[in-house]
PDB file of N, CA and C in Angstrom:
ATOM      1  N   MET A   1       0.342  -4.418 -14.336  1.00  0.00           N
ATOM      2  CA  MET A   1      -0.100  -4.137 -12.974  1.00  0.00           C
ATOM      3  C   MET A   1       1.117  -4.160 -12.055  1.00  0.00           C
ATOM      4  N   ARG A   2       1.155  -3.202 -11.142  1.00  0.00           N
ATOM      5  CA  ARG A   2       2.278  -3.055 -10.224  1.00  0.00           C
ATOM      6  C   ARG A   2       1.785  -3.228  -8.781  1.00  0.00           C
ATOM      7  N   LEU A   3       2.708  -3.230  -7.856  1.00  0.00           N
ATOM      8  CA  LEU A   3       2.409  -3.369  -6.419  1.00  0.00           C
ATOM      9  C   LEU A   3       1.613  -4.640  -6.120  1.00  0.00           C
ATOM     10  N   LYS A   4       1.949  -5.715  -6.826  1.00  0.00           N
ATOM     11  CA  LYS A   4       1.194  -6.972  -6.700  1.00  0.00           C
ATOM     12  C   LYS A   4       1.252  -7.575  -5.303  1.00  0.00           C
ATOM     13  N   LYS A   5       2.432  -7.579  -4.669  1.00  0.00           N
ATOM     14  CA  LYS A   5       2.545  -8.155  -3.318  1.00  0.00           C
ATOM     15  C   LYS A   5       1.657  -7.402  -2.334  1.00  0.00           C
ATOM     16  N   ILE A   6       1.637  -6.088  -2.463  1.00  0.00           N
ATOM     17  CA  ILE A   6       0.829  -5.278  -1.554  1.00  0.00           C
ATOM     18  C   ILE A   6      -0.655  -5.511  -1.822  1.00  0.00           C
ATOM     19  N   GLN A   7      -1.036  -5.617  -3.090  1.00  0.00           N
ATOM     20  CA  GLN A   7      -2.431  -5.905  -3.420  1.00  0.00           C
ATOM     21  C   GLN A   7      -2.847  -7.257  -2.847  1.00  0.00           C
ATOM     22  N   GLU A   8      -1.978  -8.253  -2.940  1.00  0.00           N
ATOM     23  CA  GLU A   8      -2.301  -9.577  -2.381  1.00  0.00           C
ATOM     24  C   GLU A   8      -2.453  -9.507  -0.865  1.00  0.00           C
ATOM     25  N   ALA A   9      -1.608  -8.733  -0.194  1.00  0.00           N
ATOM     26  CA  ALA A   9      -1.719  -8.581   1.261  1.00  0.00           C
ATOM     27  C   ALA A   9      -3.049  -7.922   1.619  1.00  0.00           C
ATOM     28  N   LEU A  10      -3.441  -6.902   0.874  1.00  0.00           N
ATOM     29  CA  LEU A  10      -4.722  -6.237   1.131  1.00  0.00           C
ATOM     30  C   LEU A  10      -5.883  -7.194   0.909  1.00  0.00           C
ATOM     31  N   LYS A  11      -5.827  -7.993  -0.143  1.00  0.00           N
ATOM     32  CA  LYS A  11      -6.878  -8.980  -0.405  1.00  0.00           C
ATOM     33  C   LYS A  11      -6.927 -10.024   0.710  1.00  0.00           C
ATOM     34  N   THR A  12      -5.768 -10.477   1.169  1.00  0.00           N
ATOM     35  CA  THR A  12      -5.712 -11.461   2.252  1.00  0.00           C
ATOM     36  C   THR A  12      -6.386 -10.929   3.507  1.00  0.00           C
ATOM     37  N   LYS A  13      -6.238  -9.633   3.763  1.00  0.00           N
ATOM     38  CA  LYS A  13      -6.830  -9.009   4.944  1.00  0.00           C
ATOM     39  C   LYS A  13      -8.244  -8.474   4.695  1.00  0.00           C
ATOM     40  N   ASN A  14      -8.800  -8.763   3.517  1.00  0.00           N
ATOM     41  CA  ASN A  14     -10.152  -8.310   3.151  1.00  0.00           C
ATOM     42  C   ASN A  14     -10.297  -6.793   3.230  1.00  0.00           C
ATOM     43  N   ILE A  15      -9.255  -6.085   2.818  1.00  0.00           N
ATOM     44  CA  ILE A  15      -9.278  -4.625   2.794  1.00  0.00           C
ATOM     45  C   ILE A  15      -9.563  -4.188   1.360  1.00  0.00           C
ATOM     46  N   ILE A  16     -10.638  -3.457   1.180  1.00  0.00           N
ATOM     47  CA  ILE A  16     -11.026  -2.969  -0.138  1.00  0.00           C
ATOM     48  C   ILE A  16     -10.114  -1.802  -0.511  1.00  0.00           C
ATOM     49  N   PHE A  17      -9.628  -1.816  -1.744  1.00  0.00           N
ATOM     50  CA  PHE A  17      -8.712  -0.772  -2.186  1.00  0.00           C
ATOM     51  C   PHE A  17      -9.013  -0.386  -3.625  1.00  0.00           C
ATOM     52  N   THR A  18      -8.496   0.762  -4.020  1.00  0.00           N
ATOM     53  CA  THR A  18      -8.545   1.155  -5.427  1.00  0.00           C
ATOM     54  C   THR A  18      -7.112   1.191  -5.938  1.00  0.00           C
ATOM     55  N   TYR A  19      -6.962   0.731  -7.171  1.00  0.00           N
ATOM     56  CA  TYR A  19      -5.655   0.699  -7.816  1.00  0.00           C
ATOM     57  C   TYR A  19      -5.721   1.520  -9.089  1.00  0.00           C
ATOM     58  N   THR A  20      -4.739   2.360  -9.289  1.00  0.00           N
ATOM     59  CA  THR A  20      -4.598   3.081 -10.544  1.00  0.00           C
ATOM     60  C   THR A  20      -3.134   3.016 -10.948  1.00  0.00           C
ATOM     61  N   GLU A  21      -2.904   3.271 -12.222  1.00  0.00           N
ATOM     62  CA  GLU A  21      -1.545   3.256 -12.727  1.00  0.00           C
ATOM     63  C   GLU A  21      -1.367   4.408 -13.701  1.00  0.00           C
ATOM     64  N   GLU A  22      -0.278   5.125 -13.520  1.00  0.00           N
ATOM     65  CA  GLU A  22       0.046   6.232 -14.417  1.00  0.00           C
ATOM     66  C   GLU A  22       1.552   6.265 -14.619  1.00  0.00           C
ATOM     67  N   ASP A  23       1.971   6.397 -15.855  1.00  0.00           N
ATOM     68  CA  ASP A  23       3.399   6.432 -16.194  1.00  0.00           C
ATOM     69  C   ASP A  23       4.148   5.233 -15.627  1.00  0.00           C
ATOM     70  N   ASN A  24       3.512   4.057 -15.675  1.00  0.00           N
ATOM     71  CA  ASN A  24       4.078   2.785 -15.210  1.00  0.00           C
ATOM     72  C   ASN A  24       4.343   2.757 -13.699  1.00  0.00           C
ATOM     73  N   CYS A  25       3.687   3.640 -12.943  1.00  0.00           N
ATOM     74  CA  CYS A  25       3.784   3.640 -11.480  1.00  0.00           C
ATOM     75  C   CYS A  25       2.410   3.318 -10.901  1.00  0.00           C
ATOM     76  N   GLY A  26       2.365   2.391  -9.937  1.00  0.00           N
ATOM     77  CA  GLY A  26       1.105   1.994  -9.319  1.00  0.00           C
ATOM     78  C   GLY A  26       0.728   2.903  -8.157  1.00  0.00           C
ATOM     79  N   SER A  27      -0.564   2.953  -7.886  1.00  0.00           N
ATOM     80  CA  SER A  27      -1.089   3.756  -6.793  1.00  0.00           C
ATOM     81  C   SER A  27      -2.221   2.993  -6.120  1.00  0.00           C
ATOM     82  N   LEU A  28      -2.147   2.868  -4.805  1.00  0.00           N
ATOM     83  CA  LEU A  28      -3.187   2.199  -4.026  1.00  0.00           C
ATOM     84  C   LEU A  28      -3.736   3.160  -2.986  1.00  0.00           C
ATOM     85  N   ASP A  29      -5.048   3.172  -2.846  1.00  0.00           N
ATOM     86  CA  ASP A  29      -5.724   3.951  -1.814  1.00  0.00           C
ATOM     87  C   ASP A  29      -6.711   3.022  -1.117  1.00  0.00           C
ATOM     88  N   PHE A  30      -6.773   3.097   0.217  1.00  0.00           N
ATOM     89  CA  PHE A  30      -7.678   2.233   0.964  1.00  0.00           C
ATOM     90  C   PHE A  30      -7.942   2.809   2.343  1.00  0.00           C
ATOM     91  N   GLN A  31      -8.947   2.240   2.999  1.00  0.00           N
ATOM     92  CA  GLN A  31      -9.275   2.595   4.373  1.00  0.00           C
ATOM     93  C   GLN A  31      -9.088   1.371   5.247  1.00  0.00           C
ATOM     94  N   PHE A  32      -8.612   1.592   6.463  1.00  0.00           N
ATOM     95  CA  PHE A  32      -8.481   0.518   7.442  1.00  0.00           C
ATOM     96  C   PHE A  32      -8.784   1.111   8.802  1.00  0.00           C
ATOM     97  N   ARG A  33      -9.787   0.556   9.465  1.00  0.00           N
ATOM     98  CA  ARG A  33     -10.211   1.007  10.789  1.00  0.00           C
ATOM     99  C   ARG A  33     -10.487   2.506  10.826  1.00  0.00           C
ATOM    100  N   GLY A  34     -11.148   2.984   9.773  1.00  0.00           N
ATOM    101  CA  GLY A  34     -11.579   4.370   9.711  1.00  0.00           C
ATOM    102  C   GLY A  34     -10.523   5.366   9.268  1.00  0.00           C
ATOM    103  N   LEU A  35      -9.312   4.910   9.002  1.00  0.00           N
ATOM    104  CA  LEU A  35      -8.241   5.796   8.551  1.00  0.00           C
ATOM    105  C   LEU A  35      -7.962   5.560   7.074  1.00  0.00           C
ATOM    106  N   ARG A  36      -7.652   6.628   6.355  1.00  0.00           N
ATOM    107  CA  ARG A  36      -7.336   6.524   4.926  1.00  0.00           C
ATOM    108  C   ARG A  36      -5.828   6.405   4.733  1.00  0.00           C
ATOM    109  N   TYR A  37      -5.460   5.475   3.869  1.00  0.00           N
ATOM    110  CA  TYR A  37      -4.050   5.226   3.572  1.00  0.00           C
ATOM    111  C   TYR A  37      -3.800   5.326   2.073  1.00  0.00           C
ATOM    112  N   HIS A  38      -2.556   5.635   1.731  1.00  0.00           N
ATOM    113  CA  HIS A  38      -2.160   5.649   0.327  1.00  0.00           C
ATOM    114  C   HIS A  38      -0.769   5.043   0.177  1.00  0.00           C
ATOM    115  N   ILE A  39      -0.550   4.477  -0.992  1.00  0.00           N
ATOM    116  CA  ILE A  39       0.760   3.964  -1.387  1.00  0.00           C
ATOM    117  C   ILE A  39       0.933   4.396  -2.835  1.00  0.00           C
ATOM    118  N   TRP A  40       1.766   5.388  -3.057  1.00  0.00           N
ATOM    119  CA  TRP A  40       1.948   5.960  -4.384  1.00  0.00           C
ATOM    120  C   TRP A  40       3.371   5.702  -4.847  1.00  0.00           C
ATOM    121  N   GLU A  41       3.494   4.923  -5.878  1.00  0.00           N
ATOM    122  CA  GLU A  41       4.805   4.538  -6.400  1.00  0.00           C
ATOM    123  C   GLU A  41       5.414   5.672  -7.231  1.00  0.00           C
ATOM    124  N   PHE A  42       6.739   5.789  -7.177  1.00  0.00           N
ATOM    125  CA  PHE A  42       7.445   6.785  -7.985  1.00  0.00           C
ATOM    126  C   PHE A  42       8.778   6.209  -8.460  1.00  0.00           C
ATOM    127  N   VAL A  43       9.317   6.829  -9.467  1.00  0.00           N
ATOM    128  CA  VAL A  43      10.668   6.500  -9.930  1.00  0.00           C
ATOM    129  C   VAL A  43      11.423   7.812 -10.087  1.00  0.00           C
ATOM    130  N   ASP A  44      12.622   7.844  -9.539  1.00  0.00           N
ATOM    131  CA  ASP A  44      13.479   9.028  -9.604  1.00  0.00           C
ATOM    132  C   ASP A  44      14.808   8.575 -10.205  1.00  0.00           C
ATOM    133  N   GLY A  45      14.963   8.795 -11.496  1.00  0.00           N
ATOM    134  CA  GLY A  45      16.135   8.269 -12.191  1.00  0.00           C
ATOM    135  C   GLY A  45      16.021   6.757 -12.286  1.00  0.00           C
ATOM    136  N   ASP A  46      16.899   6.042 -11.596  1.00  0.00           N
ATOM    137  CA  ASP A  46      16.805   4.573 -11.567  1.00  0.00           C
ATOM    138  C   ASP A  46      16.397   4.053 -10.193  1.00  0.00           C
ATOM    139  N   ILE A  47      15.943   4.947  -9.322  1.00  0.00           N
ATOM    140  CA  ILE A  47      15.509   4.555  -7.977  1.00  0.00           C
ATOM    141  C   ILE A  47      13.986   4.522  -7.917  1.00  0.00           C
ATOM    142  N   TRP A  48      13.454   3.334  -7.560  1.00  0.00           N
ATOM    143  CA  TRP A  48      12.013   3.162  -7.378  1.00  0.00           C
ATOM    144  C   TRP A  48      11.690   3.270  -5.900  1.00  0.00           C
ATOM    145  N   GLY A  49      10.503   3.778  -5.608  1.00  0.00           N
ATOM    146  CA  GLY A  49      10.062   3.879  -4.224  1.00  0.00           C
ATOM    147  C   GLY A  49       8.580   4.189  -4.160  1.00  0.00           C
ATOM    148  N   VAL A  50       8.100   4.397  -2.960  1.00  0.00           N
ATOM    149  CA  VAL A  50       6.708   4.792  -2.751  1.00  0.00           C
ATOM    150  C   VAL A  50       6.645   5.913  -1.730  1.00  0.00           C
ATOM    151  N   GLU A  51       5.638   6.753  -1.912  1.00  0.00           N
ATOM    152  CA  GLU A  51       5.257   7.689  -0.856  1.00  0.00           C
ATOM    153  C   GLU A  51       4.054   7.053  -0.197  1.00  0.00           C
ATOM    154  N   THR A  52       4.075   6.955   1.125  1.00  0.00           N
ATOM    155  CA  THR A  52       2.998   6.262   1.821  1.00  0.00           C
ATOM    156  C   THR A  52       2.812   6.799   3.228  1.00  0.00           C
ATOM    157  N   ASN A  53       1.648   6.527   3.768  1.00  0.00           N
ATOM    158  CA  ASN A  53       1.358   6.878   5.158  1.00  0.00           C
ATOM    159  C   ASN A  53       0.952   5.637   5.958  1.00  0.00           C
ATOM    160  N   VAL A  54       1.386   4.444   5.531  1.00  0.00           N
ATOM    161  CA  VAL A  54       0.981   3.212   6.224  1.00  0.00           C
ATOM    162  C   VAL A  54       1.585   3.080   7.619  1.00  0.00           C
ATOM    163  N   TYR A  55       2.689   3.750   7.877  1.00  0.00           N
ATOM    164  CA  TYR A  55       3.284   3.686   9.212  1.00  0.00           C
ATOM    165  C   TYR A  55       2.684   4.710  10.161  1.00  0.00           C
ATOM    166  N   HIS A  56       2.333   5.869   9.613  1.00  0.00           N
ATOM    167  CA  HIS A  56       1.753   6.953  10.407  1.00  0.00           C
ATOM    168  C   HIS A  56       0.655   7.581   9.548  1.00  0.00           C
ATOM    169  N   ALA A  57      -0.599   7.297   9.849  1.00  0.00           N
ATOM    170  CA  ALA A  57      -1.716   7.703   8.991  1.00  0.00           C
ATOM    171  C   ALA A  57      -1.724   9.197   8.688  1.00  0.00           C
ATOM    172  N   GLY A  58      -1.224  10.023   9.563  1.00  0.00           N
ATOM    173  CA  GLY A  58      -1.241  11.456   9.335  1.00  0.00           C
ATOM    174  C   GLY A  58       0.021  12.011   8.709  1.00  0.00           C
ATOM    175  N   LYS A  59       0.995  11.145   8.394  1.00  0.00           N
ATOM    176  CA  LYS A  59       2.279  11.628   7.894  1.00  0.00           C
ATOM    177  C   LYS A  59       2.775  10.729   6.764  1.00  0.00           C
ATOM    178  N   SER A  60       3.085  11.342   5.626  1.00  0.00           N
ATOM    179  CA  SER A  60       3.631  10.591   4.494  1.00  0.00           C
ATOM    180  C   SER A  60       5.146  10.504   4.600  1.00  0.00           C
ATOM    181  N   GLU A  61       5.688   9.406   4.094  1.00  0.00           N
ATOM    182  CA  GLU A  61       7.129   9.233   4.040  1.00  0.00           C
ATOM    183  C   GLU A  61       7.481   8.443   2.791  1.00  0.00           C
ATOM    184  N   ASP A  62       8.702   8.602   2.318  1.00  0.00           N
ATOM    185  CA  ASP A  62       9.179   7.858   1.161  1.00  0.00           C
ATOM    186  C   ASP A  62       9.901   6.608   1.627  1.00  0.00           C
ATOM    187  N   ILE A  63       9.646   5.497   0.929  1.00  0.00           N
ATOM    188  CA  ILE A  63      10.323   4.233   1.203  1.00  0.00           C
ATOM    189  C   ILE A  63      10.903   3.743  -0.111  1.00  0.00           C
ATOM    190  N   THR A  64      12.174   3.383  -0.111  1.00  0.00           N
ATOM    191  CA  THR A  64      12.820   2.812  -1.287  1.00  0.00           C
ATOM    192  C   THR A  64      13.325   1.419  -0.917  1.00  0.00           C
ATOM    193  N   GLY A  65      13.990   0.778  -1.831  1.00  0.00           N
ATOM    194  CA  GLY A  65      14.463  -0.582  -1.574  1.00  0.00           C
ATOM    195  C   GLY A  65      13.345  -1.572  -1.852  1.00  0.00           C
ATOM    196  N   ASP A  66      13.232  -2.609  -1.037  1.00  0.00           N
ATOM    197  CA  ASP A  66      12.199  -3.634  -1.235  1.00  0.00           C
ATOM    198  C   ASP A  66      10.914  -3.200  -0.534  1.00  0.00           C
ATOM    199  N   TYR A  67      10.356  -2.095  -1.000  1.00  0.00           N
ATOM    200  CA  TYR A  67       9.169  -1.507  -0.367  1.00  0.00           C
ATOM    201  C   TYR A  67       7.952  -2.407  -0.460  1.00  0.00           C
ATOM    202  N   GLU A  68       7.824  -3.191  -1.524  1.00  0.00           N
ATOM    203  CA  GLU A  68       6.662  -4.092  -1.612  1.00  0.00           C
ATOM    204  C   GLU A  68       6.691  -5.129  -0.505  1.00  0.00           C
ATOM    205  N   LYS A  69       7.831  -5.729  -0.261  1.00  0.00           N
ATOM    206  CA  LYS A  69       7.954  -6.730   0.801  1.00  0.00           C
ATOM    207  C   LYS A  69       7.701  -6.088   2.162  1.00  0.00           C
ATOM    208  N   GLU A  70       8.327  -4.951   2.386  1.00  0.00           N
ATOM    209  CA  GLU A  70       8.200  -4.260   3.676  1.00  0.00           C
ATOM    210  C   GLU A  70       6.748  -3.890   3.985  1.00  0.00           C
ATOM    211  N   ILE A  71       6.062  -3.311   3.020  1.00  0.00           N
ATOM    212  CA  ILE A  71       4.684  -2.867   3.251  1.00  0.00           C
ATOM    213  C   ILE A  71       3.722  -4.044   3.310  1.00  0.00           C
ATOM    214  N   SER A  72       3.921  -5.055   2.458  1.00  0.00           N
ATOM    215  CA  SER A  72       3.010  -6.207   2.502  1.00  0.00           C
ATOM    216  C   SER A  72       3.142  -6.941   3.835  1.00  0.00           C
ATOM    217  N   GLU A  73       4.351  -7.064   4.369  1.00  0.00           N
ATOM    218  CA  GLU A  73       4.524  -7.708   5.679  1.00  0.00           C
ATOM    219  C   GLU A  73       3.852  -6.892   6.784  1.00  0.00           C
ATOM    220  N   LEU A  74       3.942  -5.569   6.698  1.00  0.00           N
ATOM    221  CA  LEU A  74       3.267  -4.720   7.677  1.00  0.00           C
ATOM    222  C   LEU A  74       1.756  -4.938   7.628  1.00  0.00           C
ATOM    223  N   ILE A  75       1.186  -4.898   6.438  1.00  0.00           N
ATOM    224  CA  ILE A  75      -0.265  -5.080   6.278  1.00  0.00           C
ATOM    225  C   ILE A  75      -0.698  -6.448   6.794  1.00  0.00           C
ATOM    226  N   LEU A  76       0.079  -7.477   6.507  1.00  0.00           N
ATOM    227  CA  LEU A  76      -0.276  -8.824   6.976  1.00  0.00           C
ATOM    228  C   LEU A  76      -0.202  -8.940   8.495  1.00  0.00           C
ATOM    229  N   SER A  77       0.509  -8.026   9.156  1.00  0.00           N
ATOM    230  CA  SER A  77       0.576  -8.055  10.622  1.00  0.00           C
ATOM    231  C   SER A  77      -0.619  -7.365  11.277  1.00  0.00           C
ATOM    232  N   TRP A  78      -1.407  -6.628  10.491  1.00  0.00           N
ATOM    233  CA  TRP A  78      -2.581  -5.933  11.024  1.00  0.00           C
ATOM    234  C   TRP A  78      -3.680  -6.942  11.381  1.00  0.00           C
ATOM    235  N   PRO A  79      -4.578  -6.606  12.310  1.00  0.00           N
ATOM    236  CA  PRO A  79      -5.688  -7.499  12.645  1.00  0.00           C
ATOM    237  C   PRO A  79      -6.596  -7.690  11.423  1.00  0.00           C
ATOM    238  N   ASP A  80      -7.255  -8.841  11.366  1.00  0.00           N
ATOM    239  CA  ASP A  80      -8.179  -9.122  10.270  1.00  0.00           C
ATOM    240  C   ASP A  80      -9.377  -8.184  10.331  1.00  0.00           C
ATOM    241  N   MET A  81      -9.874  -7.850   9.154  1.00  0.00           N
ATOM    242  CA  MET A  81     -11.098  -7.057   9.048  1.00  0.00           C
ATOM    243  C   MET A  81     -12.281  -7.994   9.247  1.00  0.00           C
ATOM    244  N   ALA A  82     -13.305  -7.495   9.893  1.00  0.00           N
ATOM    245  CA  ALA A  82     -14.538  -8.267  10.050  1.00  0.00           C
ATOM    246  C   ALA A  82     -15.230  -8.332   8.702  1.00  0.00           C
ATOM    247  N   ILE A  83     -15.717  -9.489   8.364  1.00  0.00           N
ATOM    248  CA  ILE A  83     -16.441  -9.658   7.107  1.00  0.00           C
ATOM    249  C   ILE A  83     -17.938  -9.598   7.409  1.00  0.00           C
ATOM    250  N   PRO A  84     -18.664  -8.663   6.748  1.00  0.00           N
ATOM    251  CA  PRO A  84     -20.105  -8.564   7.007  1.00  0.00           C
ATOM    252  C   PRO A  84     -20.801  -9.885   6.732  1.00  0.00           C
ATOM    253  N   GLY A  85     -21.703 -10.258   7.601  1.00  0.00           N
ATOM    254  CA  GLY A  85     -22.361 -11.538   7.455  1.00  0.00           C
ATOM    255  C   GLY A  85     -23.751 -11.390   7.061  1.00  0.00           C
TER     256      GLY A  85
END
């Protein structure tokens, strides 16, 4: 399983997501406040990264480096989701 830090951040915020893995790259899809987001991991040679729209819901961008830390910190800064009672 990949993208563990990001999955933990989503669980902490009670955001339901789907996880898939193909060719040892993780993929997360989820909704937050009515917007759909994706985090799709890739490897290009020896460079790992993700294509994601978490910064701008309508625009995808590539992030390399410590993308798990960067994205999980962003998600943890979002307001909490209401839990149905």
